PDB file of N, CA and C in Angstrom:
ATOM      1  N   MET A   1      -5.723  33.490  -0.271  1.00  0.00           N
ATOM      2  CA  MET A   1      -4.817  33.050  -1.304  1.00  0.00           C
ATOM      3  C   MET A   1      -5.032  33.920  -2.526  1.00  0.00           C
ATOM      4  N   LYS A   2      -3.985  34.459  -3.051  1.00  0.00           N
ATOM      5  CA  LYS A   2      -4.078  35.329  -4.209  1.00  0.00           C
ATOM      6  C   LYS A   2      -3.882  34.506  -5.480  1.00  0.00           C
ATOM      7  N   THR A   3      -4.809  34.628  -6.403  1.00  0.00           N
ATOM      8  CA  THR A   3      -4.717  33.883  -7.656  1.00  0.00           C
ATOM      9  C   THR A   3      -4.990  34.820  -8.817  1.00  0.00           C
ATOM     10  N   ASP A   4      -4.626  34.381 -10.007  1.00  0.00           N
ATOM     11  CA  ASP A   4      -4.976  35.128 -11.207  1.00  0.00           C
ATOM     12  C   ASP A   4      -6.489  35.128 -11.369  1.00  0.00           C
ATOM     13  N   ALA A   5      -6.994  36.141 -12.055  1.00  0.00           N
ATOM     14  CA  ALA A   5      -8.435  36.218 -12.276  1.00  0.00           C
ATOM     15  C   ALA A   5      -8.930  35.029 -13.098  1.00  0.00           C
ATOM     16  N   ASN A   6      -8.060  34.436 -13.892  1.00  0.00           N
ATOM     17  CA  ASN A   6      -8.455  33.322 -14.756  1.00  0.00           C
ATOM     18  C   ASN A   6      -8.253  31.958 -14.115  1.00  0.00           C
ATOM     19  N   THR A   7      -7.672  31.901 -12.916  1.00  0.00           N
ATOM     20  CA  THR A   7      -7.408  30.629 -12.259  1.00  0.00           C
ATOM     21  C   THR A   7      -8.553  30.287 -11.319  1.00  0.00           C
ATOM     22  N   SER A   8      -9.254  29.211 -11.630  1.00  0.00           N
ATOM     23  CA  SER A   8     -10.415  28.832 -10.821  1.00  0.00           C
ATOM     24  C   SER A   8     -10.034  27.762  -9.811  1.00  0.00           C
ATOM     25  N   LEU A   9     -10.948  27.515  -8.907  1.00  0.00           N
ATOM     26  CA  LEU A   9     -10.792  26.481  -7.892  1.00  0.00           C
ATOM     27  C   LEU A   9     -10.586  25.115  -8.545  1.00  0.00           C
ATOM     28  N   ASP A  10     -11.309  24.852  -9.611  1.00  0.00           N
ATOM     29  CA  ASP A  10     -11.187  23.580 -10.323  1.00  0.00           C
ATOM     30  C   ASP A  10      -9.761  23.357 -10.808  1.00  0.00           C
ATOM     31  N   GLN A  11      -9.184  24.404 -11.395  1.00  0.00           N
ATOM     32  CA  GLN A  11      -7.825  24.289 -11.900  1.00  0.00           C
ATOM     33  C   GLN A  11      -6.841  24.006 -10.768  1.00  0.00           C
ATOM     34  N   TRP A  12      -7.020  24.674  -9.631  1.00  0.00           N
ATOM     35  CA  TRP A  12      -6.140  24.429  -8.490  1.00  0.00           C
ATOM     36  C   TRP A  12      -6.281  23.004  -7.970  1.00  0.00           C
ATOM     37  N   VAL A  13      -7.515  22.498  -7.907  1.00  0.00           N
ATOM     38  CA  VAL A  13      -7.727  21.122  -7.439  1.00  0.00           C
ATOM     39  C   VAL A  13      -7.024  20.142  -8.369  1.00  0.00           C
ATOM     40  N   PHE A  14      -7.177  20.322  -9.671  1.00  0.00           N
ATOM     41  CA  PHE A  14      -6.543  19.412 -10.623  1.00  0.00           C
ATOM     42  C   PHE A  14      -5.025  19.518 -10.566  1.00  0.00           C
ATOM     43  N   ARG A  15      -4.506  20.729 -10.420  1.00  0.00           N
ATOM     44  CA  ARG A  15      -3.060  20.924 -10.335  1.00  0.00           C
ATOM     45  C   ARG A  15      -2.480  20.258  -9.096  1.00  0.00           C
ATOM     46  N   ILE A  16      -3.123  20.472  -7.959  1.00  0.00           N
ATOM     47  CA  ILE A  16      -2.610  19.910  -6.708  1.00  0.00           C
ATOM     48  C   ILE A  16      -2.743  18.389  -6.700  1.00  0.00           C
ATOM     49  N   ALA A  17      -3.894  17.877  -7.140  1.00  0.00           N
ATOM     50  CA  ALA A  17      -4.081  16.418  -7.192  1.00  0.00           C
ATOM     51  C   ALA A  17      -3.067  15.784  -8.143  1.00  0.00           C
ATOM     52  N   GLY A  18      -2.848  16.389  -9.285  1.00  0.00           N
ATOM     53  CA  GLY A  18      -1.863  15.870 -10.236  1.00  0.00           C
ATOM     54  C   GLY A  18      -0.458  15.879  -9.664  1.00  0.00           C
ATOM     55  N   THR A  19      -0.123  16.943  -8.939  1.00  0.00           N
ATOM     56  CA  THR A  19       1.188  17.022  -8.293  1.00  0.00           C
ATOM     57  C   THR A  19       1.338  15.934  -7.238  1.00  0.00           C
ATOM     58  N   PHE A  20       0.286  15.703  -6.451  1.00  0.00           N
ATOM     59  CA  PHE A  20       0.323  14.641  -5.440  1.00  0.00           C
ATOM     60  C   PHE A  20       0.516  13.268  -6.087  1.00  0.00           C
ATOM     61  N   VAL A  21      -0.212  13.013  -7.165  1.00  0.00           N
ATOM     62  CA  VAL A  21      -0.112  11.716  -7.834  1.00  0.00           C
ATOM     63  C   VAL A  21       1.288  11.519  -8.411  1.00  0.00           C
ATOM     64  N   LEU A  22       1.793  12.508  -9.141  1.00  0.00           N
ATOM     65  CA  LEU A  22       3.115  12.374  -9.735  1.00  0.00           C
ATOM     66  C   LEU A  22       4.211  12.304  -8.679  1.00  0.00           C
ATOM     67  N   GLY A  23       4.061  13.091  -7.618  1.00  0.00           N
ATOM     68  CA  GLY A  23       5.038  13.062  -6.535  1.00  0.00           C
ATOM     69  C   GLY A  23       5.069  11.725  -5.826  1.00  0.00           C
ATOM     70  N   SER A  24       3.891  11.167  -5.559  1.00  0.00           N
ATOM     71  CA  SER A  24       3.855   9.873  -4.872  1.00  0.00           C
ATOM     72  C   SER A  24       4.349   8.745  -5.777  1.00  0.00           C
ATOM     73  N   LEU A  25       4.100   8.852  -7.077  1.00  0.00           N
ATOM     74  CA  LEU A  25       4.656   7.858  -7.998  1.00  0.00           C
ATOM     75  C   LEU A  25       6.180   7.918  -8.012  1.00  0.00           C
ATOM     76  N   ALA A  26       6.730   9.118  -8.029  1.00  0.00           N
ATOM     77  CA  ALA A  26       8.192   9.277  -7.985  1.00  0.00           C
ATOM     78  C   ALA A  26       8.744   8.722  -6.674  1.00  0.00           C
ATOM     79  N   LEU A  27       8.086   9.041  -5.566  1.00  0.00           N
ATOM     80  CA  LEU A  27       8.545   8.540  -4.270  1.00  0.00           C
ATOM     81  C   LEU A  27       8.459   7.018  -4.175  1.00  0.00           C
ATOM     82  N   SER A  28       7.466   6.427  -4.858  1.00  0.00           N
ATOM     83  CA  SER A  28       7.352   4.961  -4.829  1.00  0.00           C
ATOM     84  C   SER A  28       8.521   4.312  -5.559  1.00  0.00           C
ATOM     85  N   GLN A  29       9.093   5.004  -6.529  1.00  0.00           N
ATOM     86  CA  GLN A  29      10.242   4.470  -7.257  1.00  0.00           C
ATOM     87  C   GLN A  29      11.559   4.752  -6.546  1.00  0.00           C
ATOM     88  N   LEU A  30      11.621   5.898  -5.861  1.00  0.00           N
ATOM     89  CA  LEU A  30      12.875   6.325  -5.238  1.00  0.00           C
ATOM     90  C   LEU A  30      13.005   5.929  -3.776  1.00  0.00           C
ATOM     91  N   HIS A  31      11.888   5.769  -3.089  1.00  0.00           N
ATOM     92  CA  HIS A  31      11.951   5.545  -1.645  1.00  0.00           C
ATOM     93  C   HIS A  31      11.313   4.230  -1.223  1.00  0.00           C
ATOM     94  N   SER A  32       9.996   4.129  -1.366  1.00  0.00           N
ATOM     95  CA  SER A  32       9.280   2.943  -0.916  1.00  0.00           C
ATOM     96  C   SER A  32       8.027   2.739  -1.762  1.00  0.00           C
ATOM     97  N   VAL A  33       7.754   1.485  -2.060  1.00  0.00           N
ATOM     98  CA  VAL A  33       6.571   1.147  -2.838  1.00  0.00           C
ATOM     99  C   VAL A  33       5.283   1.511  -2.094  1.00  0.00           C
ATOM    100  N   HIS A  34       5.381   1.698  -0.793  1.00  0.00           N
ATOM    101  CA  HIS A  34       4.202   2.027   0.009  1.00  0.00           C
ATOM    102  C   HIS A  34       3.632   3.411  -0.310  1.00  0.00           C
ATOM    103  N   TRP A  35       4.373   4.249  -1.015  1.00  0.00           N
ATOM    104  CA  TRP A  35       3.836   5.540  -1.444  1.00  0.00           C
ATOM    105  C   TRP A  35       2.682   5.369  -2.424  1.00  0.00           C
ATOM    106  N   LEU A  36       2.562   4.210  -3.023  1.00  0.00           N
ATOM    107  CA  LEU A  36       1.444   3.968  -3.941  1.00  0.00           C
ATOM    108  C   LEU A  36       0.106   3.988  -3.212  1.00  0.00           C
ATOM    109  N   TRP A  37       0.104   3.745  -1.889  1.00  0.00           N
ATOM    110  CA  TRP A  37      -1.124   3.874  -1.110  1.00  0.00           C
ATOM    111  C   TRP A  37      -1.619   5.317  -1.136  1.00  0.00           C
ATOM    112  N   PHE A  38      -0.706   6.274  -1.110  1.00  0.00           N
ATOM    113  CA  PHE A  38      -1.101   7.687  -1.200  1.00  0.00           C
ATOM    114  C   PHE A  38      -1.684   7.992  -2.573  1.00  0.00           C
ATOM    115  N   THR A  39      -1.077   7.424  -3.607  1.00  0.00           N
ATOM    116  CA  THR A  39      -1.610   7.581  -4.965  1.00  0.00           C
ATOM    117  C   THR A  39      -3.035   7.031  -5.047  1.00  0.00           C
ATOM    118  N   ALA A  40      -3.249   5.864  -4.455  1.00  0.00           N
ATOM    119  CA  ALA A  40      -4.587   5.256  -4.455  1.00  0.00           C
ATOM    120  C   ALA A  40      -5.575   6.124  -3.674  1.00  0.00           C
ATOM    121  N   PHE A  41      -5.142   6.710  -2.561  1.00  0.00           N
ATOM    122  CA  PHE A  41      -6.014   7.578  -1.776  1.00  0.00           C
ATOM    123  C   PHE A  41      -6.443   8.798  -2.585  1.00  0.00           C
ATOM    124  N   VAL A  42      -5.504   9.421  -3.278  1.00  0.00           N
ATOM    125  CA  VAL A  42      -5.838  10.591  -4.094  1.00  0.00           C
ATOM    126  C   VAL A  42      -6.810  10.199  -5.202  1.00  0.00           C
ATOM    127  N   GLY A  43      -6.551   9.072  -5.867  1.00  0.00           N
ATOM    128  CA  GLY A  43      -7.448   8.605  -6.927  1.00  0.00           C
ATOM    129  C   GLY A  43      -8.839   8.281  -6.413  1.00  0.00           C
ATOM    130  N   ALA A  44      -8.913   7.619  -5.256  1.00  0.00           N
ATOM    131  CA  ALA A  44     -10.217   7.288  -4.672  1.00  0.00           C
ATOM    132  C   ALA A  44     -10.980   8.544  -4.283  1.00  0.00           C
ATOM    133  N   ASN A  45     -10.269   9.545  -3.759  1.00  0.00           N
ATOM    134  CA  ASN A  45     -10.923  10.796  -3.394  1.00  0.00           C
ATOM    135  C   ASN A  45     -11.452  11.518  -4.636  1.00  0.00           C
ATOM    136  N   MET A  46     -10.678  11.487  -5.719  1.00  0.00           N
ATOM    137  CA  MET A  46     -11.148  12.106  -6.962  1.00  0.00           C
ATOM    138  C   MET A  46     -12.379  11.380  -7.505  1.00  0.00           C
ATOM    139  N   LEU A  47     -12.383  10.049  -7.391  1.00  0.00           N
ATOM    140  CA  LEU A  47     -13.528   9.270  -7.857  1.00  0.00           C
ATOM    141  C   LEU A  47     -14.776   9.590  -7.048  1.00  0.00           C
ATOM    142  N   GLN A  48     -14.665   9.609  -5.712  1.00  0.00           N
ATOM    143  CA  GLN A  48     -15.847   9.904  -4.898  1.00  0.00           C
ATOM    144  C   GLN A  48     -16.306  11.339  -5.115  1.00  0.00           C
ATOM    145  N   ALA A  49     -15.391  12.269  -5.352  1.00  0.00           N
ATOM    146  CA  ALA A  49     -15.781  13.659  -5.604  1.00  0.00           C
ATOM    147  C   ALA A  49     -16.567  13.786  -6.906  1.00  0.00           C
ATOM    148  N   SER A  50     -16.259  12.929  -7.874  1.00  0.00           N
ATOM    149  CA  SER A  50     -16.993  12.996  -9.148  1.00  0.00           C
ATOM    150  C   SER A  50     -18.446  12.558  -8.984  1.00  0.00           C
ATOM    151  N   PHE A  51     -18.717  11.712  -7.985  1.00  0.00           N
ATOM    152  CA  PHE A  51     -20.085  11.255  -7.738  1.00  0.00           C
ATOM    153  C   PHE A  51     -20.826  12.131  -6.732  1.00  0.00           C
ATOM    154  N   THR A  52     -20.130  12.564  -5.688  1.00  0.00           N
ATOM    155  CA  THR A  52     -20.795  13.275  -4.594  1.00  0.00           C
ATOM    156  C   THR A  52     -20.691  14.794  -4.691  1.00  0.00           C
ATOM    157  N   GLY A  53     -19.688  15.283  -5.411  1.00  0.00           N
ATOM    158  CA  GLY A  53     -19.465  16.719  -5.466  1.00  0.00           C
ATOM    159  C   GLY A  53     -18.735  17.254  -4.246  1.00  0.00           C
ATOM    160  N   PHE A  54     -18.390  16.373  -3.296  1.00  0.00           N
ATOM    161  CA  PHE A  54     -17.678  16.793  -2.088  1.00  0.00           C
ATOM    162  C   PHE A  54     -16.186  16.561  -2.270  1.00  0.00           C
ATOM    163  N   CYS A  55     -15.426  17.644  -2.196  1.00  0.00           N
ATOM    164  CA  CYS A  55     -13.975  17.562  -2.316  1.00  0.00           C
ATOM    165  C   CYS A  55     -13.366  18.363  -1.167  1.00  0.00           C
ATOM    166  N   PRO A  56     -12.685  17.698  -0.237  1.00  0.00           N
ATOM    167  CA  PRO A  56     -12.096  18.414   0.896  1.00  0.00           C
ATOM    168  C   PRO A  56     -11.139  19.528   0.470  1.00  0.00           C
ATOM    169  N   LEU A  57     -10.323  19.272  -0.544  1.00  0.00           N
ATOM    170  CA  LEU A  57      -9.397  20.301  -1.017  1.00  0.00           C
ATOM    171  C   LEU A  57     -10.150  21.502  -1.572  1.00  0.00           C
ATOM    172  N   ALA A  58     -11.241  21.260  -2.283  1.00  0.00           N
ATOM    173  CA  ALA A  58     -12.041  22.362  -2.823  1.00  0.00           C
ATOM    174  C   ALA A  58     -12.631  23.209  -1.694  1.00  0.00           C
ATOM    175  N   LYS A  59     -13.057  22.564  -0.622  1.00  0.00           N
ATOM    176  CA  LYS A  59     -13.596  23.298   0.530  1.00  0.00           C
ATOM    177  C   LYS A  59     -12.516  24.179   1.157  1.00  0.00           C
ATOM    178  N   ILE A  60     -11.303  23.644   1.297  1.00  0.00           N
ATOM    179  CA  ILE A  60     -10.197  24.406   1.878  1.00  0.00           C
ATOM    180  C   ILE A  60      -9.845  25.598   0.995  1.00  0.00           C
ATOM    181  N   LEU A  61      -9.727  25.359  -0.302  1.00  0.00           N
ATOM    182  CA  LEU A  61      -9.381  26.445  -1.216  1.00  0.00           C
ATOM    183  C   LEU A  61     -10.473  27.507  -1.273  1.00  0.00           C
ATOM    184  N   ALA A  62     -11.730  27.097  -1.189  1.00  0.00           N
ATOM    185  CA  ALA A  62     -12.836  28.058  -1.191  1.00  0.00           C
ATOM    186  C   ALA A  62     -12.758  28.961   0.032  1.00  0.00           C
ATOM    187  N   ARG A  63     -12.414  28.390   1.185  1.00  0.00           N
ATOM    188  CA  ARG A  63     -12.274  29.199   2.399  1.00  0.00           C
ATOM    189  C   ARG A  63     -11.090  30.147   2.327  1.00  0.00           C
ATOM    190  N   LEU A  64     -10.101  29.816   1.486  1.00  0.00           N
ATOM    191  CA  LEU A  64      -8.954  30.693   1.287  1.00  0.00           C
ATOM    192  C   LEU A  64      -9.237  31.780   0.251  1.00  0.00           C
ATOM    193  N   GLY A  65     -10.428  31.738  -0.332  1.00  0.00           N
ATOM    194  CA  GLY A  65     -10.841  32.793  -1.246  1.00  0.00           C
ATOM    195  C   GLY A  65     -10.608  32.534  -2.714  1.00  0.00           C
ATOM    196  N   VAL A  66     -10.314  31.314  -3.096  1.00  0.00           N
ATOM    197  CA  VAL A  66     -10.133  30.984  -4.505  1.00  0.00           C
ATOM    198  C   VAL A  66     -11.510  30.964  -5.165  1.00  0.00           C
ATOM    199  N   PRO A  67     -11.685  31.661  -6.289  1.00  0.00           N
ATOM    200  CA  PRO A  67     -13.006  31.695  -6.930  1.00  0.00           C
ATOM    201  C   PRO A  67     -13.418  30.340  -7.482  1.00  0.00           C
ATOM    202  N   ALA A  68     -14.701  30.031  -7.322  1.00  0.00           N
ATOM    203  CA  ALA A  68     -15.238  28.737  -7.771  1.00  0.00           C
ATOM    204  C   ALA A  68     -15.204  28.628  -9.280  1.00  0.00           C
ATOM    205  N   GLY A  69     -15.079  27.386  -9.739  1.00  0.00           N
ATOM    206  CA  GLY A  69     -15.168  27.088 -11.158  1.00  0.00           C
ATOM    207  C   GLY A  69     -16.434  26.301 -11.431  1.00  0.00           C
ATOM    208  N   ALA A  70     -16.505  25.674 -12.576  1.00  0.00           N
ATOM    209  CA  ALA A  70     -17.725  24.963 -12.957  1.00  0.00           C
ATOM    210  C   ALA A  70     -17.930  23.658 -12.194  1.00  0.00           C
ATOM    211  N   ALA A  71     -16.857  22.945 -11.873  1.00  0.00           N
ATOM    212  CA  ALA A  71     -17.005  21.627 -11.261  1.00  0.00           C
ATOM    213  C   ALA A  71     -17.330  21.684  -9.775  1.00  0.00           C
ATOM    214  N   PHE A  72     -16.762  22.633  -9.057  1.00  0.00           N
ATOM    215  CA  PHE A  72     -16.925  22.697  -7.619  1.00  0.00           C
ATOM    216  C   PHE A  72     -17.605  24.002  -7.209  1.00  0.00           C
ATOM    217  N   CYS A  73     -18.762  24.251  -7.774  1.00  0.00           N
ATOM    218  CA  CYS A  73     -19.473  25.502  -7.490  1.00  0.00           C
ATOM    219  C   CYS A  73     -20.574  25.329  -6.458  1.00  0.00           C
ATOM    220  N   ALA A  74     -20.612  24.190  -5.776  1.00  0.00           N
ATOM    221  CA  ALA A  74     -21.624  23.953  -4.747  1.00  0.00           C
ATOM    222  C   ALA A  74     -21.463  24.943  -3.601  1.00  0.00           C
ATOM    223  N   LYS A  75     -22.546  25.204  -2.888  1.00  0.00           N
ATOM    224  CA  LYS A  75     -22.496  26.122  -1.769  1.00  0.00           C
ATOM    225  C   LYS A  75     -21.583  25.586  -0.676  1.00  0.00           C
ATOM    226  N   THR A  76     -20.843  26.491  -0.050  1.00  0.00           N
ATOM    227  CA  THR A  76     -19.974  26.083   1.054  1.00  0.00           C
ATOM    228  C   THR A  76     -20.635  26.462   2.361  1.00  0.00           C
ATOM    229  N   ALA A  77     -20.407  25.649   3.370  1.00  0.00           N
ATOM    230  CA  ALA A  77     -20.962  25.919   4.695  1.00  0.00           C
ATOM    231  C   ALA A  77     -20.285  27.130   5.298  1.00  0.00           C
ATOM    232  N   ALA A  78     -21.056  27.977   5.926  1.00  0.00           N
ATOM    233  CA  ALA A  78     -20.501  29.196   6.512  1.00  0.00           C
ATOM    234  C   ALA A  78     -19.897  28.953   7.866  1.00  0.00           C
TER     235      ALA A  78
END
């Protein structure tokens, strides 16, 4: 994945998570209230990542070559 030199993995995680949350909120209003379960899943994953440091999206982006930032700089499994 090609990114700007100033765009870190942390920024991508926050951007994608924010897009998922806003998108699922919009879908809950336009389509079905059950989309709020997806919003809750994203929020719960962000909460557990703040305690454990494990973020599945961060692992995926790291494997795609996105440079690490301050929040998700843990070693990745080879």
